[in-house]
Amino acid sequence: MQYNDQASFAVAIDRAQISPFVLPRNWNFRADIERAFVGPLKIWHSHNEIPPALRDVNNYYRRPNSVVQNHYYQLPGDIG
């Protein structure tokens, strides 16, 4: 079952009176919304399985001399 807890989280942050740290896109990648990212992905926010091609991208970054690059994720059925 999908649900959205952003409203309750926002209230909790407000009541705690703290300034949360915002993670960059590759640390919090929303695959159903975003398409471009830089470097390895850390958190996959999707109910879909992680595609093998994206696992290959992360494996590339485990190499000592890897170069950070731009990447584009395409959902099955995307045109272009």
PDB file of N, CA and C in Angstrom:
ATOM      1  N   MET A   1       0.843  -1.185   0.000  1.00  0.00           N
ATOM      2  CA  MET A   1       0.000   0.000   0.000  1.00  0.00           C
ATOM      3  C   MET A   1       0.885   1.244   0.000  1.00  0.00           C
ATOM      4  N   GLN A   2       0.645   2.120  -0.933  1.00  0.00           N
ATOM      5  CA  GLN A   2       1.410   3.354  -1.012  1.00  0.00           C
ATOM      6  C   GLN A   2       0.775   4.404  -0.112  1.00  0.00           C
ATOM      7  N   TYR A   3       1.606   5.197   0.539  1.00  0.00           N
ATOM      8  CA  TYR A   3       1.100   6.294   1.348  1.00  0.00           C
ATOM      9  C   TYR A   3       2.127   7.419   1.349  1.00  0.00           C
ATOM     10  N   ASN A   4       1.695   8.595   1.753  1.00  0.00           N
ATOM     11  CA  ASN A   4       2.554   9.765   1.742  1.00  0.00           C
ATOM     12  C   ASN A   4       2.607  10.319   3.156  1.00  0.00           C
ATOM     13  N   ASP A   5       3.771  10.333   3.765  1.00  0.00           N
ATOM     14  CA  ASP A   5       3.915  10.827   5.132  1.00  0.00           C
ATOM     15  C   ASP A   5       4.583  12.198   5.186  1.00  0.00           C
ATOM     16  N   GLN A   6       4.609  12.916   4.055  1.00  0.00           N
ATOM     17  CA  GLN A   6       5.298  14.200   4.034  1.00  0.00           C
ATOM     18  C   GLN A   6       4.647  15.228   4.948  1.00  0.00           C
ATOM     19  N   ALA A   7       3.324  15.253   5.017  1.00  0.00           N
ATOM     20  CA  ALA A   7       2.646  16.245   5.861  1.00  0.00           C
ATOM     21  C   ALA A   7       2.975  16.020   7.335  1.00  0.00           C
ATOM     22  N   SER A   8       2.889  14.791   7.797  1.00  0.00           N
ATOM     23  CA  SER A   8       3.188  14.521   9.209  1.00  0.00           C
ATOM     24  C   SER A   8       4.670  14.760   9.510  1.00  0.00           C
ATOM     25  N   PHE A   9       5.535  14.483   8.549  1.00  0.00           N
ATOM     26  CA  PHE A   9       6.959  14.749   8.727  1.00  0.00           C
ATOM     27  C   PHE A   9       7.208  16.251   8.837  1.00  0.00           C
ATOM     28  N   ALA A  10       6.545  17.029   7.988  1.00  0.00           N
ATOM     29  CA  ALA A  10       6.696  18.485   8.018  1.00  0.00           C
ATOM     30  C   ALA A  10       6.256  19.055   9.366  1.00  0.00           C
ATOM     31  N   VAL A  11       5.166  18.548   9.919  1.00  0.00           N
ATOM     32  CA  VAL A  11       4.694  18.995  11.236  1.00  0.00           C
ATOM     33  C   VAL A  11       5.722  18.645  12.311  1.00  0.00           C
ATOM     34  N   ALA A  12       6.268  17.432  12.248  1.00  0.00           N
ATOM     35  CA  ALA A  12       7.262  17.007  13.236  1.00  0.00           C
ATOM     36  C   ALA A  12       8.511  17.891  13.179  1.00  0.00           C
ATOM     37  N   ILE A  13       8.975  18.221  11.991  1.00  0.00           N
ATOM     38  CA  ILE A  13      10.151  19.085  11.838  1.00  0.00           C
ATOM     39  C   ILE A  13       9.844  20.480  12.376  1.00  0.00           C
ATOM     40  N   ASP A  14       8.669  20.991  12.064  1.00  0.00           N
ATOM     41  CA  ASP A  14       8.279  22.311  12.544  1.00  0.00           C
ATOM     42  C   ASP A  14       8.237  22.353  14.069  1.00  0.00           C
ATOM     43  N   ARG A  15       7.650  21.344  14.667  1.00  0.00           N
ATOM     44  CA  ARG A  15       7.551  21.293  16.136  1.00  0.00           C
ATOM     45  C   ARG A  15       8.924  21.120  16.791  1.00  0.00           C
ATOM     46  N   ALA A  16       9.822  20.413  16.126  1.00  0.00           N
ATOM     47  CA  ALA A  16      11.157  20.204  16.680  1.00  0.00           C
ATOM     48  C   ALA A  16      12.024  21.460  16.569  1.00  0.00           C
ATOM     49  N   GLN A  17      11.599  22.392  15.716  1.00  0.00           N
ATOM     50  CA  GLN A  17      12.308  23.659  15.495  1.00  0.00           C
ATOM     51  C   GLN A  17      13.779  23.426  15.124  1.00  0.00           C
ATOM     52  N   ILE A  18      13.963  22.530  14.170  1.00  0.00           N
ATOM     53  CA  ILE A  18      15.302  22.275  13.653  1.00  0.00           C
ATOM     54  C   ILE A  18      15.310  22.541  12.152  1.00  0.00           C
ATOM     55  N   SER A  19      16.477  22.705  11.625  1.00  0.00           N
ATOM     56  CA  SER A  19      16.635  22.875  10.188  1.00  0.00           C
ATOM     57  C   SER A  19      17.230  21.581   9.636  1.00  0.00           C
ATOM     58  N   PRO A  20      16.431  20.762   8.942  1.00  0.00           N
ATOM     59  CA  PRO A  20      16.951  19.474   8.468  1.00  0.00           C
ATOM     60  C   PRO A  20      17.942  19.654   7.328  1.00  0.00           C
ATOM     61  N   PHE A  21      18.840  18.700   7.223  1.00  0.00           N
ATOM     62  CA  PHE A  21      19.792  18.678   6.122  1.00  0.00           C
ATOM     63  C   PHE A  21      19.105  18.078   4.908  1.00  0.00           C
ATOM     64  N   VAL A  22      19.183  18.741   3.780  1.00  0.00           N
ATOM     65  CA  VAL A  22      18.562  18.258   2.552  1.00  0.00           C
ATOM     66  C   VAL A  22      19.609  17.507   1.737  1.00  0.00           C
ATOM     67  N   LEU A  23      19.289  16.282   1.399  1.00  0.00           N
ATOM     68  CA  LEU A  23      20.222  15.454   0.648  1.00  0.00           C
ATOM     69  C   LEU A  23      20.174  15.782  -0.844  1.00  0.00           C
ATOM     70  N   PRO A  24      21.305  15.671  -1.537  1.00  0.00           N
ATOM     71  CA  PRO A  24      21.300  15.888  -2.984  1.00  0.00           C
ATOM     72  C   PRO A  24      20.537  14.777  -3.695  1.00  0.00           C
ATOM     73  N   ARG A  25      20.215  15.012  -4.961  1.00  0.00           N
ATOM     74  CA  ARG A  25      19.370  14.077  -5.718  1.00  0.00           C
ATOM     75  C   ARG A  25      19.908  12.651  -5.768  1.00  0.00           C
ATOM     76  N   ASN A  26      21.210  12.492  -5.886  1.00  0.00           N
ATOM     77  CA  ASN A  26      21.714  11.116  -5.986  1.00  0.00           C
ATOM     78  C   ASN A  26      21.580  10.370  -4.660  1.00  0.00           C
ATOM     79  N   TRP A  27      21.366  11.088  -3.553  1.00  0.00           N
ATOM     80  CA  TRP A  27      21.148  10.446  -2.262  1.00  0.00           C
ATOM     81  C   TRP A  27      19.673  10.180  -2.025  1.00  0.00           C
ATOM     82  N   ASN A  28      18.807  10.753  -2.825  1.00  0.00           N
ATOM     83  CA  ASN A  28      17.375  10.654  -2.584  1.00  0.00           C
ATOM     84  C   ASN A  28      16.648  10.667  -3.932  1.00  0.00           C
ATOM     85  N   PHE A  29      16.953   9.702  -4.786  1.00  0.00           N
ATOM     86  CA  PHE A  29      16.476   9.709  -6.174  1.00  0.00           C
ATOM     87  C   PHE A  29      15.053   9.176  -6.272  1.00  0.00           C
ATOM     88  N   ARG A  30      14.146  10.011  -6.756  1.00  0.00           N
ATOM     89  CA  ARG A  30      12.742   9.625  -6.932  1.00  0.00           C
ATOM     90  C   ARG A  30      12.546   9.217  -8.390  1.00  0.00           C
ATOM     91  N   ALA A  31      12.642   7.950  -8.636  1.00  0.00           N
ATOM     92  CA  ALA A  31      12.688   7.421 -10.005  1.00  0.00           C
ATOM     93  C   ALA A  31      11.419   7.686 -10.800  1.00  0.00           C
ATOM     94  N   ASP A  32      10.280   7.822 -10.136  1.00  0.00           N
ATOM     95  CA  ASP A  32       9.031   8.054 -10.861  1.00  0.00           C
ATOM     96  C   ASP A  32       8.872   9.514 -11.275  1.00  0.00           C
ATOM     97  N   ILE A  33       9.734  10.392 -10.760  1.00  0.00           N
ATOM     98  CA  ILE A  33       9.611  11.823 -11.036  1.00  0.00           C
ATOM     99  C   ILE A  33      10.841  12.358 -11.759  1.00  0.00           C
ATOM    100  N   GLU A  34      12.019  12.016 -11.252  1.00  0.00           N
ATOM    101  CA  GLU A  34      13.259  12.574 -11.780  1.00  0.00           C
ATOM    102  C   GLU A  34      13.881  11.628 -12.806  1.00  0.00           C
ATOM    103  N   ARG A  35      14.684  12.181 -13.683  1.00  0.00           N
ATOM    104  CA  ARG A  35      15.334  11.364 -14.701  1.00  0.00           C
ATOM    105  C   ARG A  35      16.849  11.513 -14.693  1.00  0.00           C
ATOM    106  N   ALA A  36      17.353  12.697 -14.377  1.00  0.00           N
ATOM    107  CA  ALA A  36      18.792  12.942 -14.433  1.00  0.00           C
ATOM    108  C   ALA A  36      19.399  12.882 -13.041  1.00  0.00           C
ATOM    109  N   PHE A  37      20.637  12.379 -12.969  1.00  0.00           N
ATOM    110  CA  PHE A  37      21.370  12.364 -11.711  1.00  0.00           C
ATOM    111  C   PHE A  37      22.858  12.366 -12.006  1.00  0.00           C
ATOM    112  N   VAL A  38      23.644  12.668 -10.999  1.00  0.00           N
ATOM    113  CA  VAL A  38      25.098  12.726 -11.123  1.00  0.00           C
ATOM    114  C   VAL A  38      25.690  11.762 -10.111  1.00  0.00           C
ATOM    115  N   GLY A  39      26.619  10.948 -10.574  1.00  0.00           N
ATOM    116  CA  GLY A  39      27.308  10.037  -9.671  1.00  0.00           C
ATOM    117  C   GLY A  39      26.455   8.853  -9.261  1.00  0.00           C
ATOM    118  N   PRO A  40      26.900   8.113  -8.250  1.00  0.00           N
ATOM    119  CA  PRO A  40      26.168   6.910  -7.830  1.00  0.00           C
ATOM    120  C   PRO A  40      24.889   7.259  -7.083  1.00  0.00           C
ATOM    121  N   LEU A  41      23.878   6.423  -7.235  1.00  0.00           N
ATOM    122  CA  LEU A  41      22.628   6.598  -6.485  1.00  0.00           C
ATOM    123  C   LEU A  41      22.778   5.955  -5.118  1.00  0.00           C
ATOM    124  N   LYS A  42      22.232   6.613  -4.111  1.00  0.00           N
ATOM    125  CA  LYS A  42      22.314   6.094  -2.739  1.00  0.00           C
ATOM    126  C   LYS A  42      20.961   5.583  -2.249  1.00  0.00           C
ATOM    127  N   ILE A  43      19.889   6.318  -2.532  1.00  0.00           N
ATOM    128  CA  ILE A  43      18.548   5.920  -2.087  1.00  0.00           C
ATOM    129  C   ILE A  43      17.626   5.890  -3.300  1.00  0.00           C
ATOM    130  N   TRP A  44      16.987   4.772  -3.527  1.00  0.00           N
ATOM    131  CA  TRP A  44      16.076   4.563  -4.651  1.00  0.00           C
ATOM    132  C   TRP A  44      14.644   4.658  -4.122  1.00  0.00           C
ATOM    133  N   HIS A  45      13.963   5.769  -4.417  1.00  0.00           N
ATOM    134  CA  HIS A  45      12.575   5.955  -3.987  1.00  0.00           C
ATOM    135  C   HIS A  45      11.646   5.569  -5.126  1.00  0.00           C
ATOM    136  N   SER A  46      11.244   4.337  -5.153  1.00  0.00           N
ATOM    137  CA  SER A  46      10.326   3.860  -6.185  1.00  0.00           C
ATOM    138  C   SER A  46       9.792   2.502  -5.761  1.00  0.00           C
ATOM    139  N   HIS A  47       8.587   2.209  -6.205  1.00  0.00           N
ATOM    140  CA  HIS A  47       8.032   0.877  -5.972  1.00  0.00           C
ATOM    141  C   HIS A  47       8.477  -0.088  -7.067  1.00  0.00           C
ATOM    142  N   ASN A  48       9.130   0.445  -8.105  1.00  0.00           N
ATOM    143  CA  ASN A  48       9.667  -0.381  -9.188  1.00  0.00           C
ATOM    144  C   ASN A  48      11.006  -0.970  -8.758  1.00  0.00           C
ATOM    145  N   GLU A  49      11.345  -2.088  -9.369  1.00  0.00           N
ATOM    146  CA  GLU A  49      12.645  -2.705  -9.133  1.00  0.00           C
ATOM    147  C   GLU A  49      13.756  -1.812  -9.690  1.00  0.00           C
ATOM    148  N   ILE A  50      14.932  -1.889  -9.104  1.00  0.00           N
ATOM    149  CA  ILE A  50      16.075  -1.140  -9.629  1.00  0.00           C
ATOM    150  C   ILE A  50      16.533  -1.815 -10.918  1.00  0.00           C
ATOM    151  N   PRO A  51      16.565  -1.071 -12.027  1.00  0.00           N
ATOM    152  CA  PRO A  51      16.985  -1.671 -13.299  1.00  0.00           C
ATOM    153  C   PRO A  51      18.461  -2.094 -13.261  1.00  0.00           C
ATOM    154  N   PRO A  52      18.793  -3.177 -13.945  1.00  0.00           N
ATOM    155  CA  PRO A  52      20.192  -3.640 -13.984  1.00  0.00           C
ATOM    156  C   PRO A  52      21.161  -2.562 -14.469  1.00  0.00           C
ATOM    157  N   ALA A  53      20.741  -1.726 -15.414  1.00  0.00           N
ATOM    158  CA  ALA A  53      21.634  -0.675 -15.930  1.00  0.00           C
ATOM    159  C   ALA A  53      22.036   0.302 -14.831  1.00  0.00           C
ATOM    160  N   LEU A  54      21.129   0.584 -13.900  1.00  0.00           N
ATOM    161  CA  LEU A  54      21.473   1.493 -12.808  1.00  0.00           C
ATOM    162  C   LEU A  54      22.376   0.811 -11.781  1.00  0.00           C
ATOM    163  N   ARG A  55      22.220  -0.477 -11.624  1.00  0.00           N
ATOM    164  CA  ARG A  55      23.151  -1.211 -10.764  1.00  0.00           C
ATOM    165  C   ARG A  55      24.557  -1.169 -11.371  1.00  0.00           C
ATOM    166  N   ASP A  56      24.621  -1.251 -12.691  1.00  0.00           N
ATOM    167  CA  ASP A  56      25.909  -1.161 -13.378  1.00  0.00           C
ATOM    168  C   ASP A  56      26.560   0.211 -13.157  1.00  0.00           C
ATOM    169  N   VAL A  57      25.742   1.276 -13.163  1.00  0.00           N
ATOM    170  CA  VAL A  57      26.260   2.620 -12.901  1.00  0.00           C
ATOM    171  C   VAL A  57      26.895   2.672 -11.514  1.00  0.00           C
ATOM    172  N   ASN A  58      26.191   2.174 -10.507  1.00  0.00           N
ATOM    173  CA  ASN A  58      26.741   2.189  -9.152  1.00  0.00           C
ATOM    174  C   ASN A  58      27.989   1.321  -9.030  1.00  0.00           C
ATOM    175  N   ASN A  59      28.012   0.193  -9.724  1.00  0.00           N
ATOM    176  CA  ASN A  59      29.205  -0.658  -9.706  1.00  0.00           C
ATOM    177  C   ASN A  59      30.406   0.066 -10.307  1.00  0.00           C
ATOM    178  N   TYR A  60      30.157   0.860 -11.344  1.00  0.00           N
ATOM    179  CA  TYR A  60      31.231   1.646 -11.959  1.00  0.00           C
ATOM    180  C   TYR A  60      31.890   2.562 -10.925  1.00  0.00           C
ATOM    181  N   TYR A  61      31.086   3.198 -10.075  1.00  0.00           N
ATOM    182  CA  TYR A  61      31.620   4.144  -9.095  1.00  0.00           C
ATOM    183  C   TYR A  61      32.365   3.479  -7.948  1.00  0.00           C
ATOM    184  N   ARG A  62      32.314   2.187  -7.862  1.00  0.00           N
ATOM    185  CA  ARG A  62      33.103   1.477  -6.844  1.00  0.00           C
ATOM    186  C   ARG A  62      34.571   1.346  -7.256  1.00  0.00           C
ATOM    187  N   ARG A  63      34.843   1.591  -8.533  1.00  0.00           N
ATOM    188  CA  ARG A  63      36.224   1.526  -9.016  1.00  0.00           C
ATOM    189  C   ARG A  63      37.010   2.732  -8.501  1.00  0.00           C
ATOM    190  N   PRO A  64      38.251   2.550  -8.136  1.00  0.00           N
ATOM    191  CA  PRO A  64      39.038   3.641  -7.542  1.00  0.00           C
ATOM    192  C   PRO A  64      39.198   4.877  -8.426  1.00  0.00           C
ATOM    193  N   ASN A  65      39.316   4.712  -9.720  1.00  0.00           N
ATOM    194  CA  ASN A  65      39.563   5.854 -10.607  1.00  0.00           C
ATOM    195  C   ASN A  65      38.335   6.270 -11.406  1.00  0.00           C
ATOM    196  N   SER A  66      37.157   5.976 -10.902  1.00  0.00           N
ATOM    197  CA  SER A  66      35.938   6.345 -11.631  1.00  0.00           C
ATOM    198  C   SER A  66      35.788   7.868 -11.668  1.00  0.00           C
ATOM    199  N   VAL A  67      35.167   8.351 -12.721  1.00  0.00           N
ATOM    200  CA  VAL A  67      34.943   9.784 -12.922  1.00  0.00           C
ATOM    201  C   VAL A  67      33.454  10.048 -12.769  1.00  0.00           C
ATOM    202  N   VAL A  68      33.095  11.036 -11.944  1.00  0.00           N
ATOM    203  CA  VAL A  68      31.685  11.367 -11.735  1.00  0.00           C
ATOM    204  C   VAL A  68      31.113  11.907 -13.045  1.00  0.00           C
ATOM    205  N   GLN A  69      29.963  11.364 -13.430  1.00  0.00           N
ATOM    206  CA  GLN A  69      29.335  11.704 -14.705  1.00  0.00           C
ATOM    207  C   GLN A  69      27.851  11.984 -14.520  1.00  0.00           C
ATOM    208  N   ASN A  70      27.270  12.659 -15.520  1.00  0.00           N
ATOM    209  CA  ASN A  70      25.825  12.829 -15.578  1.00  0.00           C
ATOM    210  C   ASN A  70      25.212  11.555 -16.137  1.00  0.00           C
ATOM    211  N   HIS A  71      24.046  11.198 -15.618  1.00  0.00           N
ATOM    212  CA  HIS A  71      23.336  10.015 -16.103  1.00  0.00           C
ATOM    213  C   HIS A  71      21.873  10.369 -16.313  1.00  0.00           C
ATOM    214  N   TYR A  72      21.222   9.622 -17.172  1.00  0.00           N
ATOM    215  CA  TYR A  72      19.809   9.818 -17.452  1.00  0.00           C
ATOM    216  C   TYR A  72      19.104   8.484 -17.311  1.00  0.00           C
ATOM    217  N   TYR A  73      18.095   8.445 -16.446  1.00  0.00           N
ATOM    218  CA  TYR A  73      17.322   7.232 -16.226  1.00  0.00           C
ATOM    219  C   TYR A  73      16.048   7.310 -17.050  1.00  0.00           C
ATOM    220  N   GLN A  74      15.755   6.260 -17.785  1.00  0.00           N
ATOM    221  CA  GLN A  74      14.558   6.230 -18.621  1.00  0.00           C
ATOM    222  C   GLN A  74      13.643   5.106 -18.145  1.00  0.00           C
ATOM    223  N   LEU A  75      12.423   5.478 -17.784  1.00  0.00           N
ATOM    224  CA  LEU A  75      11.429   4.483 -17.381  1.00  0.00           C
ATOM    225  C   LEU A  75      10.990   3.666 -18.583  1.00  0.00           C
ATOM    226  N   PRO A  76      10.619   2.422 -18.382  1.00  0.00           N
ATOM    227  CA  PRO A  76      10.052   1.655 -19.490  1.00  0.00           C
ATOM    228  C   PRO A  76       8.815   2.388 -20.032  1.00  0.00           C
ATOM    229  N   GLY A  77       8.768   2.590 -21.301  1.00  0.00           N
ATOM    230  CA  GLY A  77       7.640   3.296 -21.908  1.00  0.00           C
ATOM    231  C   GLY A  77       7.892   4.768 -22.149  1.00  0.00           C
ATOM    232  N   ASP A  78       8.988   5.319 -21.584  1.00  0.00           N
ATOM    233  CA  ASP A  78       9.340   6.724 -21.870  1.00  0.00           C
ATOM    234  C   ASP A  78       9.708   6.854 -23.334  1.00  0.00           C
ATOM    235  N   ILE A  79       9.345   7.966 -23.919  1.00  0.00           N
ATOM    236  CA  ILE A  79       9.691   8.247 -25.319  1.00  0.00           C
ATOM    237  C   ILE A  79      10.809   9.265 -25.325  1.00  0.00           C
ATOM    238  N   GLY A  80      11.818   9.023 -26.142  1.00  0.00           N
ATOM    239  CA  GLY A  80      12.900   9.991 -26.276  1.00  0.00           C
ATOM    240  C   GLY A  80      14.117   9.460 -25.717  1.00  0.00           C
TER     241      GLY A  80
END
